[in-house]
N, C-alpha and C. Protein backbone atom coordinates (compact mmCIF):
# COMPACT_ATOMS: atom_id res chain seq x y z
N MET A 1 5.26 58.13 7.81
CA MET A 1 5.60 57.11 7.06
C MET A 1 4.47 56.13 6.81
N GLY A 2 4.18 55.73 5.29
CA GLY A 2 2.86 55.04 5.36
C GLY A 2 3.43 53.39 5.22
N ARG A 3 2.13 52.78 5.08
CA ARG A 3 2.31 51.33 5.14
C ARG A 3 2.82 50.81 3.98
N GLY A 4 3.45 49.55 4.10
CA GLY A 4 4.14 48.84 2.83
C GLY A 4 3.14 48.29 2.09
N LYS A 5 3.17 48.07 0.64
CA LYS A 5 2.58 47.64 -0.27
C LYS A 5 2.23 46.01 0.16
N ILE A 6 0.86 45.16 0.01
CA ILE A 6 0.95 44.02 0.04
C ILE A 6 0.33 43.30 -0.90
N GLU A 7 0.50 42.14 -1.41
CA GLU A 7 0.43 41.65 -2.41
C GLU A 7 -1.34 41.19 -2.51
N ILE A 8 -1.98 41.49 -3.21
CA ILE A 8 -3.31 40.95 -3.33
C ILE A 8 -3.72 39.79 -3.84
N LYS A 9 -3.87 38.81 -2.99
CA LYS A 9 -4.16 37.20 -3.20
C LYS A 9 -5.18 36.68 -2.19
N ARG A 10 -5.64 35.39 -2.48
CA ARG A 10 -6.76 34.97 -1.71
C ARG A 10 -5.92 34.42 -0.69
N ILE A 11 -6.74 34.51 0.86
CA ILE A 11 -6.31 33.96 1.74
C ILE A 11 -6.67 32.61 2.01
N GLU A 12 -5.49 31.61 2.15
CA GLU A 12 -5.84 29.99 1.94
C GLU A 12 -6.54 29.87 3.47
N ASN A 13 -6.04 30.29 4.47
CA ASN A 13 -6.54 29.94 5.69
C ASN A 13 -8.39 30.32 5.76
N THR A 14 -9.34 29.48 6.07
CA THR A 14 -10.67 29.61 6.20
C THR A 14 -10.82 30.62 7.06
N THR A 15 -10.03 30.48 8.35
CA THR A 15 -10.77 31.25 9.61
C THR A 15 -9.95 32.83 9.57
N SER A 16 -9.12 32.52 8.94
CA SER A 16 -8.35 34.04 8.69
C SER A 16 -9.08 34.74 7.67
N ARG A 17 -9.27 33.85 6.80
CA ARG A 17 -10.11 34.64 5.53
C ARG A 17 -11.98 35.64 5.81
N GLN A 18 -12.23 34.36 6.93
CA GLN A 18 -13.27 35.16 7.54
C GLN A 18 -13.36 36.01 8.14
N VAL A 19 -12.07 36.01 8.83
CA VAL A 19 -12.03 37.28 9.76
C VAL A 19 -11.91 38.87 9.08
N THR A 20 -11.01 38.42 8.10
CA THR A 20 -10.68 39.55 7.35
C THR A 20 -11.92 40.11 6.70
N PHE A 21 -12.61 39.03 6.02
CA PHE A 21 -14.02 39.66 5.35
C PHE A 21 -14.85 40.63 6.31
N CYS A 22 -14.99 39.77 7.38
CA CYS A 22 -15.81 40.67 8.82
C CYS A 22 -15.12 42.04 8.95
N LYS A 23 -13.87 42.05 9.01
CA LYS A 23 -13.51 43.63 9.39
C LYS A 23 -13.47 44.34 8.27
N ARG A 24 -13.23 43.88 7.13
CA ARG A 24 -13.25 44.75 5.91
C ARG A 24 -14.83 45.01 5.58
N ARG A 25 -15.73 44.00 5.75
CA ARG A 25 -17.14 44.18 5.51
C ARG A 25 -17.58 45.47 6.52
N ASN A 26 -17.07 45.46 7.64
CA ASN A 26 -17.64 46.51 8.55
C ASN A 26 -17.00 47.89 8.34
N GLY A 27 -15.78 47.77 7.75
CA GLY A 27 -15.29 49.08 7.20
C GLY A 27 -15.77 49.77 5.97
N LEU A 28 -16.31 48.80 5.21
CA LEU A 28 -16.75 49.18 3.90
C LEU A 28 -18.25 49.74 4.13
N LEU A 29 -18.95 49.26 4.77
CA LEU A 29 -20.16 49.63 5.39
C LEU A 29 -20.09 51.26 5.97
N LYS A 30 -19.09 51.45 7.14
CA LYS A 30 -18.93 52.46 7.41
C LYS A 30 -18.56 53.49 6.76
N LYS A 31 -17.68 53.27 5.60
CA LYS A 31 -17.35 54.22 4.55
C LYS A 31 -18.67 54.46 3.72
N ALA A 32 -19.43 53.81 3.39
CA ALA A 32 -20.68 54.04 2.75
C ALA A 32 -21.57 54.91 3.45
N TYR A 33 -21.74 54.98 4.83
CA TYR A 33 -22.23 55.42 5.50
C TYR A 33 -21.59 57.21 5.74
N GLU A 34 -20.50 56.97 5.87
CA GLU A 34 -19.76 58.52 5.84
C GLU A 34 -19.94 59.39 4.56
N LEU A 35 -20.06 58.59 3.42
CA LEU A 35 -20.03 59.23 2.08
C LEU A 35 -21.28 59.87 2.10
N SER A 36 -22.59 59.28 2.57
CA SER A 36 -23.94 59.55 2.34
C SER A 36 -23.99 60.81 3.24
N VAL A 37 -23.25 60.75 4.45
CA VAL A 37 -23.63 61.83 5.28
C VAL A 37 -22.70 63.17 4.64
N LEU A 38 -21.48 62.85 4.23
CA LEU A 38 -20.60 64.05 3.83
C LEU A 38 -20.85 64.76 2.65
N CYS A 39 -21.51 63.85 1.69
CA CYS A 39 -21.73 64.28 0.27
C CYS A 39 -23.33 64.52 0.24
N GLU A 40 -23.99 64.10 1.23
CA GLU A 40 -25.46 64.12 1.16
C GLU A 40 -25.95 62.99 -0.19
N ALA A 41 -25.22 62.19 -0.46
CA ALA A 41 -25.71 61.32 -1.44
C ALA A 41 -26.57 60.11 -1.37
N GLU A 42 -27.35 59.32 -1.94
CA GLU A 42 -27.94 58.28 -1.80
C GLU A 42 -26.83 57.17 -2.24
N ILE A 43 -26.76 56.11 -1.12
CA ILE A 43 -25.90 55.28 -1.51
C ILE A 43 -26.56 53.98 -1.05
N ALA A 44 -26.18 52.91 -2.01
CA ALA A 44 -26.64 51.65 -1.75
C ALA A 44 -25.55 50.40 -1.94
N LEU A 45 -25.49 49.78 -1.04
CA LEU A 45 -24.12 48.62 -1.06
C LEU A 45 -24.94 47.41 -0.98
N ILE A 46 -24.69 46.58 -1.47
CA ILE A 46 -25.15 45.00 -1.59
C ILE A 46 -23.77 44.04 -1.51
N VAL A 47 -23.55 43.51 -0.64
CA VAL A 47 -22.51 42.50 -0.25
C VAL A 47 -22.69 41.17 -0.05
N PHE A 48 -22.23 39.90 -0.79
CA PHE A 48 -22.86 38.71 -0.43
C PHE A 48 -21.35 38.19 -0.07
N SER A 49 -21.58 37.06 1.06
CA SER A 49 -20.32 36.35 1.46
C SER A 49 -20.12 35.07 0.67
N ALA A 50 -19.24 34.55 0.93
CA ALA A 50 -18.70 33.31 0.16
C ALA A 50 -19.85 32.15 0.30
N ARG A 51 -20.35 32.30 1.77
CA ARG A 51 -21.54 31.20 2.03
C ARG A 51 -22.79 31.62 1.47
N GLY A 52 -22.87 32.96 0.55
CA GLY A 52 -24.42 33.53 0.20
C GLY A 52 -24.96 34.12 1.01
N ARG A 53 -24.60 34.61 2.35
CA ARG A 53 -25.14 35.66 3.11
C ARG A 53 -25.23 37.03 2.63
N LEU A 54 -26.21 37.95 2.47
CA LEU A 54 -26.69 39.17 1.97
C LEU A 54 -26.30 40.09 3.17
N TYR A 55 -25.49 41.04 2.96
CA TYR A 55 -25.27 42.30 3.67
C TYR A 55 -25.29 43.59 2.94
N GLU A 56 -26.39 44.28 3.44
CA GLU A 56 -26.68 45.72 2.64
C GLU A 56 -26.87 46.89 3.31
N TYR A 57 -26.42 47.83 2.69
CA TYR A 57 -26.45 49.22 3.40
C TYR A 57 -27.46 50.09 2.30
N ALA A 58 -28.28 50.86 3.25
CA ALA A 58 -28.99 52.21 2.03
C ALA A 58 -29.02 53.32 2.95
N SER A 59 -28.99 54.18 2.45
CA SER A 59 -28.75 55.39 3.22
C SER A 59 -30.30 55.89 3.27
N ASN A 60 -30.99 55.43 2.78
CA ASN A 60 -32.46 56.14 2.91
C ASN A 60 -33.15 54.87 3.49
């Protein structure tokens, strides 16, 4: 049994939004790494937070 669909909308609670961003950012970086390993692809990923902080991943 799969998960139910949720409505995609902005999270109003600042703390909750920051926690969600951190978790999803880490998941996205992990997926980029896995894609680069499994497919031998060169991957570059750039993410800016709401505060303007840079998070990046490069497979090389």
